[in-house]
């Protein structure tokens, strides 16, 4: 009985939102600050081939990738936004049946990416007074840190000499991709968002042979609308 009543009230509220006029309900801000988390997976070749040598793919073995992101975004036009994405992603739980070479390895990715977003403008009435759909293109650069189980490699040189190679030095990372999703305004200055991003990444790491990978991730979080323009409510 309670469940049925809840469903009925939910239908009534959605209907009111769709058809009830709400002129000037929310403030048309130009600057938003997005903050959220993301989770997904990584895709890469299972084997890396260099001349006659074959190695287990480094990025192929990671089972999970998750992280956080922070992004200020400015409305250059009602339907076009310019943003700057600061993103952190962590890859861990490396696993592959044919090798245990990179077991317990953790990778930290840091990128800074300018972005351009196309979004549906806010309407004066109905559900689109709160809801907006968007598509975004981004490209940027950063660096990657690889934390291995054995962070140093010792190379035996001429008699009496040992060369120590550190295996955790940061390496360059280039990333580009697309993002789609929706935003929903809860209060005049606060909203939530849900989206999906697909990224292509290239690295210059010397610790493994494969230099590129892609990742797909689900993103969700909140945004705050800054520098509000005053508007009368009626």
C-alpha atoms as a PDB file:
ATOM      1  CA  UNK A   1       0.000   0.000   0.000  1.00  0.00           C
ATOM      2  CA  UNK A   2       2.780   2.416   0.915  1.00  0.00           C
ATOM      3  CA  UNK A   3       4.684   1.525  -2.233  1.00  0.00           C
ATOM      4  CA  UNK A   4       1.617   2.148  -4.409  1.00  0.00           C
ATOM      5  CA  UNK A   5       0.980   5.519  -2.777  1.00  0.00           C
ATOM      6  CA  UNK A   6       4.621   6.505  -3.318  1.00  0.00           C
ATOM      7  CA  UNK A   7       4.371   5.673  -7.030  1.00  0.00           C
ATOM      8  CA  UNK A   8       1.148   7.688  -7.393  1.00  0.00           C
ATOM      9  CA  UNK A   9       2.679  10.764  -5.702  1.00  0.00           C
ATOM     10  CA  UNK A  10       5.829  10.452  -7.848  1.00  0.00           C
ATOM     11  CA  UNK A  11       3.690  10.477 -11.020  1.00  0.00           C
ATOM     12  CA  UNK A  12       1.794  13.538  -9.781  1.00  0.00           C
ATOM     13  CA  UNK A  13       5.011  15.460  -8.997  1.00  0.00           C
ATOM     14  CA  UNK A  14       6.544  14.666 -12.404  1.00  0.00           C
ATOM     15  CA  UNK A  15       3.327  15.761 -14.149  1.00  0.00           C
ATOM     16  CA  UNK A  16       3.284  19.063 -12.261  1.00  0.00           C
ATOM     17  CA  UNK A  17       6.953  19.670 -13.153  1.00  0.00           C
ATOM     18  CA  UNK A  18       6.243  19.058 -16.840  1.00  0.00           C
ATOM     19  CA  UNK A  19       3.202  21.301 -17.227  1.00  0.00           C
ATOM     20  CA  UNK A  20       3.191  23.891 -14.445  1.00  0.00           C
ATOM     21  CA  UNK A  21       4.648  27.294 -15.497  1.00  0.00           C
ATOM     22  CA  UNK A  22       7.762  28.286 -13.574  1.00  0.00           C
ATOM     23  CA  UNK A  23       8.823  31.627 -15.019  1.00  0.00           C
ATOM     24  CA  UNK A  24      12.193  32.807 -13.770  1.00  0.00           C
ATOM     25  CA  UNK A  25      12.412  29.810 -11.490  1.00  0.00           C
ATOM     26  CA  UNK A  26      16.188  29.554 -11.612  1.00  0.00           C
ATOM     27  CA  UNK A  27      18.976  32.024 -12.131  1.00  0.00           C
ATOM     28  CA  UNK A  28      20.854  32.012 -15.416  1.00  0.00           C
ATOM     29  CA  UNK A  29      24.432  31.706 -14.157  1.00  0.00           C
ATOM     30  CA  UNK A  30      27.480  31.729 -16.386  1.00  0.00           C
ATOM     31  CA  UNK A  31      30.072  30.009 -14.206  1.00  0.00           C
ATOM     32  CA  UNK A  32      29.664  26.483 -12.815  1.00  0.00           C
ATOM     33  CA  UNK A  33      32.045  24.476 -10.667  1.00  0.00           C
ATOM     34  CA  UNK A  34      31.732  20.694 -11.126  1.00  0.00           C
ATOM     35  CA  UNK A  35      33.141  18.153  -8.648  1.00  0.00           C
ATOM     36  CA  UNK A  36      32.602  14.418  -8.812  1.00  0.00           C
ATOM     37  CA  UNK A  37      33.886  10.871  -8.963  1.00  0.00           C
ATOM     38  CA  UNK A  38      34.163   8.335 -11.759  1.00  0.00           C
ATOM     39  CA  UNK A  39      34.583   4.586 -12.137  1.00  0.00           C
ATOM     40  CA  UNK A  40      35.182   2.407 -15.174  1.00  0.00           C
ATOM     41  CA  UNK A  41      37.539   0.071 -16.968  1.00  0.00           C
ATOM     42  CA  UNK A  42      40.634   0.144 -19.179  1.00  0.00           C
ATOM     43  CA  UNK A  43      41.027  -1.429 -22.609  1.00  0.00           C
ATOM     44  CA  UNK A  44      44.379  -2.248 -24.235  1.00  0.00           C
ATOM     45  CA  UNK A  45      46.166  -4.975 -26.180  1.00  0.00           C
ATOM     46  CA  UNK A  46      46.852  -8.202 -24.288  1.00  0.00           C
ATOM     47  CA  UNK A  47      50.360  -8.503 -25.730  1.00  0.00           C
ATOM     48  CA  UNK A  48      52.953  -5.901 -26.696  1.00  0.00           C
ATOM     49  CA  UNK A  49      55.344  -6.763 -29.529  1.00  0.00           C
ATOM     50  CA  UNK A  50      58.661  -5.000 -30.058  1.00  0.00           C
ATOM     51  CA  UNK A  51      60.666  -6.427 -32.971  1.00  0.00           C
ATOM     52  CA  UNK A  52      61.041 -10.118 -32.030  1.00  0.00           C
ATOM     53  CA  UNK A  53      60.171  -9.662 -28.340  1.00  0.00           C
ATOM     54  CA  UNK A  54      56.699 -10.262 -26.882  1.00  0.00           C
ATOM     55  CA  UNK A  55      55.653  -8.868 -23.499  1.00  0.00           C
ATOM     56  CA  UNK A  56      52.414  -9.086 -21.514  1.00  0.00           C
ATOM     57  CA  UNK A  57      50.327  -5.956 -22.079  1.00  0.00           C
ATOM     58  CA  UNK A  58      50.698  -3.585 -19.157  1.00  0.00           C
ATOM     59  CA  UNK A  59      47.370  -1.714 -19.290  1.00  0.00           C
ATOM     60  CA  UNK A  60      45.383  -4.758 -20.418  1.00  0.00           C
ATOM     61  CA  UNK A  61      45.753  -6.379 -16.996  1.00  0.00           C
ATOM     62  CA  UNK A  62      44.110  -3.666 -14.888  1.00  0.00           C
ATOM     63  CA  UNK A  63      40.660  -4.649 -13.691  1.00  0.00           C
ATOM     64  CA  UNK A  64      39.474  -1.322 -12.229  1.00  0.00           C
ATOM     65  CA  UNK A  65      39.964   2.385 -12.722  1.00  0.00           C
ATOM     66  CA  UNK A  66      38.427   5.057 -10.526  1.00  0.00           C
ATOM     67  CA  UNK A  67      39.124   8.626  -9.574  1.00  0.00           C
ATOM     68  CA  UNK A  68      37.911  12.189  -8.992  1.00  0.00           C
ATOM     69  CA  UNK A  69      37.595  15.284 -11.130  1.00  0.00           C
ATOM     70  CA  UNK A  70      37.171  19.039 -10.686  1.00  0.00           C
ATOM     71  CA  UNK A  71      36.052  21.288 -13.525  1.00  0.00           C
ATOM     72  CA  UNK A  72      35.140  24.998 -13.722  1.00  0.00           C
ATOM     73  CA  UNK A  73      32.949  25.740 -16.755  1.00  0.00           C
ATOM     74  CA  UNK A  74      31.916  29.084 -18.290  1.00  0.00           C
ATOM     75  CA  UNK A  75      28.836  29.706 -20.473  1.00  0.00           C
ATOM     76  CA  UNK A  76      30.250  31.535 -23.485  1.00  0.00           C
ATOM     77  CA  UNK A  77      26.872  31.155 -25.189  1.00  0.00           C
ATOM     78  CA  UNK A  78      23.565  29.799 -23.784  1.00  0.00           C
ATOM     79  CA  UNK A  79      24.307  26.540 -25.631  1.00  0.00           C
ATOM     80  CA  UNK A  80      28.136  26.521 -25.535  1.00  0.00           C
ATOM     81  CA  UNK A  81      30.387  26.096 -22.490  1.00  0.00           C
ATOM     82  CA  UNK A  82      34.166  26.390 -22.141  1.00  0.00           C
ATOM     83  CA  UNK A  83      35.751  24.359 -19.365  1.00  0.00           C
ATOM     84  CA  UNK A  84      38.965  23.113 -17.826  1.00  0.00           C
ATOM     85  CA  UNK A  85      39.000  19.553 -16.460  1.00  0.00           C
ATOM     86  CA  UNK A  86      41.395  18.560 -13.685  1.00  0.00           C
ATOM     87  CA  UNK A  87      41.272  14.774 -13.473  1.00  0.00           C
ATOM     88  CA  UNK A  88      42.866  12.102 -11.278  1.00  0.00           C
ATOM     89  CA  UNK A  89      42.495   8.383 -12.046  1.00  0.00           C
ATOM     90  CA  UNK A  90      43.932   5.351 -10.259  1.00  0.00           C
ATOM     91  CA  UNK A  91      44.364   1.938 -11.918  1.00  0.00           C
ATOM     92  CA  UNK A  92      44.942  -1.128  -9.761  1.00  0.00           C
ATOM     93  CA  UNK A  93      44.294  -4.870  -9.310  1.00  0.00           C
ATOM     94  CA  UNK A  94      46.465  -5.978 -12.243  1.00  0.00           C
ATOM     95  CA  UNK A  95      45.709  -9.551 -13.277  1.00  0.00           C
ATOM     96  CA  UNK A  96      46.580 -11.711 -16.291  1.00  0.00           C
ATOM     97  CA  UNK A  97      46.469 -15.501 -16.688  1.00  0.00           C
ATOM     98  CA  UNK A  98      49.697 -15.801 -18.656  1.00  0.00           C
ATOM     99  CA  UNK A  99      51.842 -13.624 -16.369  1.00  0.00           C
ATOM    100  CA  UNK A 100      52.171 -12.143 -12.885  1.00  0.00           C
ATOM    101  CA  UNK A 101      54.850  -9.673 -13.920  1.00  0.00           C
ATOM    102  CA  UNK A 102      52.959  -6.543 -12.839  1.00  0.00           C
ATOM    103  CA  UNK A 103      51.026  -7.944  -9.870  1.00  0.00           C
ATOM    104  CA  UNK A 104      50.269  -5.367  -7.150  1.00  0.00           C
ATOM    105  CA  UNK A 105      51.182  -2.499  -9.472  1.00  0.00           C
ATOM    106  CA  UNK A 106      49.235   0.748  -9.046  1.00  0.00           C
ATOM    107  CA  UNK A 107      49.151   3.558 -11.617  1.00  0.00           C
ATOM    108  CA  UNK A 108      48.217   7.185 -10.858  1.00  0.00           C
ATOM    109  CA  UNK A 109      47.121   9.399 -13.788  1.00  0.00           C
ATOM    110  CA  UNK A 110      46.911  13.214 -13.573  1.00  0.00           C
ATOM    111  CA  UNK A 111      45.592  15.263 -16.509  1.00  0.00           C
ATOM    112  CA  UNK A 112      44.554  18.848 -17.218  1.00  0.00           C
ATOM    113  CA  UNK A 113      42.235  19.161 -20.236  1.00  0.00           C
ATOM    114  CA  UNK A 114      40.564  22.195 -21.851  1.00  0.00           C
ATOM    115  CA  UNK A 115      37.044  21.289 -23.025  1.00  0.00           C
ATOM    116  CA  UNK A 116      34.224  22.635 -25.164  1.00  0.00           C
ATOM    117  CA  UNK A 117      30.666  21.600 -24.331  1.00  0.00           C
ATOM    118  CA  UNK A 118      27.417  21.878 -26.286  1.00  0.00           C
ATOM    119  CA  UNK A 119      24.350  21.846 -24.008  1.00  0.00           C
ATOM    120  CA  UNK A 120      20.616  22.359 -24.334  1.00  0.00           C
ATOM    121  CA  UNK A 121      19.695  25.853 -23.035  1.00  0.00           C
ATOM    122  CA  UNK A 122      17.459  26.150 -19.993  1.00  0.00           C
ATOM    123  CA  UNK A 123      13.778  26.636 -20.815  1.00  0.00           C
ATOM    124  CA  UNK A 124      11.368  28.956 -18.994  1.00  0.00           C
ATOM    125  CA  UNK A 125       8.894  26.191 -18.134  1.00  0.00           C
ATOM    126  CA  UNK A 126       8.661  22.426 -17.775  1.00  0.00           C
ATOM    127  CA  UNK A 127      11.273  19.815 -17.030  1.00  0.00           C
ATOM    128  CA  UNK A 128      13.866  21.568 -19.244  1.00  0.00           C
ATOM    129  CA  UNK A 129      13.801  24.430 -16.747  1.00  0.00           C
ATOM    130  CA  UNK A 130      15.878  22.116 -14.554  1.00  0.00           C
ATOM    131  CA  UNK A 131      17.282  19.469 -16.906  1.00  0.00           C
ATOM    132  CA  UNK A 132      19.964  19.926 -19.556  1.00  0.00           C
ATOM    133  CA  UNK A 133      21.710  17.449 -21.880  1.00  0.00           C
ATOM    134  CA  UNK A 134      25.290  17.961 -23.028  1.00  0.00           C
ATOM    135  CA  UNK A 135      28.056  16.620 -25.262  1.00  0.00           C
ATOM    136  CA  UNK A 136      31.699  17.572 -24.802  1.00  0.00           C
ATOM    137  CA  UNK A 137      35.068  17.291 -26.535  1.00  0.00           C
ATOM    138  CA  UNK A 138      38.303  17.533 -24.541  1.00  0.00           C
ATOM    139  CA  UNK A 139      42.040  17.086 -24.982  1.00  0.00           C
ATOM    140  CA  UNK A 140      44.891  17.636 -22.570  1.00  0.00           C
ATOM    141  CA  UNK A 141      48.110  16.437 -21.047  1.00  0.00           C
ATOM    142  CA  UNK A 142      49.532  15.374 -17.724  1.00  0.00           C
ATOM    143  CA  UNK A 143      51.706  12.702 -16.220  1.00  0.00           C
ATOM    144  CA  UNK A 144      51.546   9.126 -14.957  1.00  0.00           C
ATOM    145  CA  UNK A 145      53.145   7.605 -11.865  1.00  0.00           C
ATOM    146  CA  UNK A 146      53.670   3.823 -11.748  1.00  0.00           C
ATOM    147  CA  UNK A 147      54.060   2.203  -8.337  1.00  0.00           C
ATOM    148  CA  UNK A 148      55.448  -1.327  -8.667  1.00  0.00           C
ATOM    149  CA  UNK A 149      55.974  -4.118  -6.179  1.00  0.00           C
ATOM    150  CA  UNK A 150      59.713  -3.846  -6.820  1.00  0.00           C
ATOM    151  CA  UNK A 151      60.422  -0.114  -7.327  1.00  0.00           C
ATOM    152  CA  UNK A 152      64.112  -0.568  -8.214  1.00  0.00           C
ATOM    153  CA  UNK A 153      65.975  -2.640 -10.782  1.00  0.00           C
ATOM    154  CA  UNK A 154      69.663  -3.486 -10.248  1.00  0.00           C
ATOM    155  CA  UNK A 155      71.796  -4.029 -13.329  1.00  0.00           C
ATOM    156  CA  UNK A 156      75.141  -5.763 -12.881  1.00  0.00           C
ATOM    157  CA  UNK A 157      77.789  -3.897 -14.840  1.00  0.00           C
ATOM    158  CA  UNK A 158      81.545  -4.345 -15.007  1.00  0.00           C
ATOM    159  CA  UNK A 159      83.099  -6.223 -12.078  1.00  0.00           C
ATOM    160  CA  UNK A 160      82.429  -4.363  -8.854  1.00  0.00           C
ATOM    161  CA  UNK A 161      79.724  -2.043 -10.269  1.00  0.00           C
ATOM    162  CA  UNK A 162      75.924  -2.135  -9.847  1.00  0.00           C
ATOM    163  CA  UNK A 163      73.625   0.239 -11.735  1.00  0.00           C
ATOM    164  CA  UNK A 164      70.357   1.052  -9.928  1.00  0.00           C
ATOM    165  CA  UNK A 165      67.399   2.058 -12.130  1.00  0.00           C
ATOM    166  CA  UNK A 166      64.428   3.703 -10.425  1.00  0.00           C
ATOM    167  CA  UNK A 167      61.105   2.408 -11.806  1.00  0.00           C
ATOM    168  CA  UNK A 168      58.725   5.015 -10.403  1.00  0.00           C
ATOM    169  CA  UNK A 169      59.645   8.132 -12.322  1.00  0.00           C
ATOM    170  CA  UNK A 170      56.693  10.192 -13.692  1.00  0.00           C
ATOM    171  CA  UNK A 171      56.091   9.916 -17.450  1.00  0.00           C
ATOM    172  CA  UNK A 172      54.224  12.138 -19.912  1.00  0.00           C
ATOM    173  CA  UNK A 173      50.539  11.403 -20.642  1.00  0.00           C
ATOM    174  CA  UNK A 174      48.398  12.758 -23.498  1.00  0.00           C
ATOM    175  CA  UNK A 175      44.631  12.243 -23.348  1.00  0.00           C
ATOM    176  CA  UNK A 176      41.643  13.159 -25.523  1.00  0.00           C
ATOM    177  CA  UNK A 177      38.035  12.024 -25.752  1.00  0.00           C
ATOM    178  CA  UNK A 178      34.314  12.711 -25.655  1.00  0.00           C
ATOM    179  CA  UNK A 179      31.806  13.070 -22.836  1.00  0.00           C
ATOM    180  CA  UNK A 180      27.992  13.023 -22.773  1.00  0.00           C
ATOM    181  CA  UNK A 181      25.498  13.332 -19.959  1.00  0.00           C
ATOM    182  CA  UNK A 182      22.889  15.422 -18.225  1.00  0.00           C
ATOM    183  CA  UNK A 183      22.679  18.000 -15.459  1.00  0.00           C
ATOM    184  CA  UNK A 184      19.738  18.582 -13.119  1.00  0.00           C
ATOM    185  CA  UNK A 185      19.244  21.667 -10.941  1.00  0.00           C
ATOM    186  CA  UNK A 186      18.078  20.917  -7.401  1.00  0.00           C
ATOM    187  CA  UNK A 187      18.232  24.453  -5.987  1.00  0.00           C
ATOM    188  CA  UNK A 188      19.017  27.836  -7.546  1.00  0.00           C
ATOM    189  CA  UNK A 189      22.737  27.395  -6.961  1.00  0.00           C
ATOM    190  CA  UNK A 190      23.239  23.604  -6.646  1.00  0.00           C
ATOM    191  CA  UNK A 191      22.705  20.716  -9.033  1.00  0.00           C
ATOM    192  CA  UNK A 192      23.799  17.185  -9.855  1.00  0.00           C
ATOM    193  CA  UNK A 193      25.172  15.594 -13.006  1.00  0.00           C
ATOM    194  CA  UNK A 194      25.508  12.120 -14.511  1.00  0.00           C
ATOM    195  CA  UNK A 195      27.627  11.339 -17.536  1.00  0.00           C
ATOM    196  CA  UNK A 196      29.792   8.930 -19.483  1.00  0.00           C
ATOM    197  CA  UNK A 197      33.251   9.592 -20.931  1.00  0.00           C
ATOM    198  CA  UNK A 198      35.441   7.715 -23.390  1.00  0.00           C
ATOM    199  CA  UNK A 199      39.154   8.590 -23.511  1.00  0.00           C
ATOM    200  CA  UNK A 200      42.161   7.656 -25.641  1.00  0.00           C
ATOM    201  CA  UNK A 201      45.507   7.923 -23.865  1.00  0.00           C
ATOM    202  CA  UNK A 202      49.156   7.816 -24.947  1.00  0.00           C
ATOM    203  CA  UNK A 203      52.169   7.586 -22.659  1.00  0.00           C
ATOM    204  CA  UNK A 204      55.944   7.735 -22.983  1.00  0.00           C
ATOM    205  CA  UNK A 205      56.728   5.222 -20.227  1.00  0.00           C
ATOM    206  CA  UNK A 206      59.896   3.125 -20.519  1.00  0.00           C
ATOM    207  CA  UNK A 207      58.745   0.427 -18.077  1.00  0.00           C
ATOM    208  CA  UNK A 208      56.465  -1.343 -20.539  1.00  0.00           C
ATOM    209  CA  UNK A 209      56.176  -1.725 -24.305  1.00  0.00           C
ATOM    210  CA  UNK A 210      52.548  -0.724 -24.869  1.00  0.00           C
ATOM    211  CA  UNK A 211      52.211   3.046 -25.076  1.00  0.00           C
ATOM    212  CA  UNK A 212      48.470   3.578 -25.462  1.00  0.00           C
ATOM    213  CA  UNK A 213      45.190   2.554 -23.882  1.00  0.00           C
ATOM    214  CA  UNK A 214      41.573   3.646 -23.752  1.00  0.00           C
ATOM    215  CA  UNK A 215      39.190   3.886 -20.832  1.00  0.00           C
ATOM    216  CA  UNK A 216      35.435   4.153 -20.458  1.00  0.00           C
ATOM    217  CA  UNK A 217      34.028   5.622 -17.275  1.00  0.00           C
ATOM    218  CA  UNK A 218      30.768   6.565 -15.580  1.00  0.00           C
ATOM    219  CA  UNK A 219      30.831   9.987 -13.916  1.00  0.00           C
ATOM    220  CA  UNK A 220      28.553  11.497 -11.305  1.00  0.00           C
ATOM    221  CA  UNK A 221      28.766  14.420  -8.917  1.00  0.00           C
ATOM    222  CA  UNK A 222      27.488  17.870  -8.004  1.00  0.00           C
ATOM    223  CA  UNK A 223      27.959  21.383  -9.373  1.00  0.00           C
ATOM    224  CA  UNK A 224      27.706  24.830  -7.844  1.00  0.00           C
ATOM    225  CA  UNK A 225      26.518  27.867  -9.800  1.00  0.00           C
ATOM    226  CA  UNK A 226      28.680  30.914  -9.097  1.00  0.00           C
ATOM    227  CA  UNK A 227      28.162  34.656  -9.624  1.00  0.00           C
ATOM    228  CA  UNK A 228      24.390  34.543  -9.845  1.00  0.00           C
ATOM    229  CA  UNK A 229      22.517  37.127 -11.940  1.00  0.00           C
ATOM    230  CA  UNK A 230      19.508  38.375 -10.001  1.00  0.00           C
ATOM    231  CA  UNK A 231      16.040  37.710 -11.408  1.00  0.00           C
ATOM    232  CA  UNK A 232      12.569  38.339 -10.023  1.00  0.00           C
ATOM    233  CA  UNK A 233      10.394  35.352  -9.151  1.00  0.00           C
ATOM    234  CA  UNK A 234       6.768  35.432 -10.279  1.00  0.00           C
END
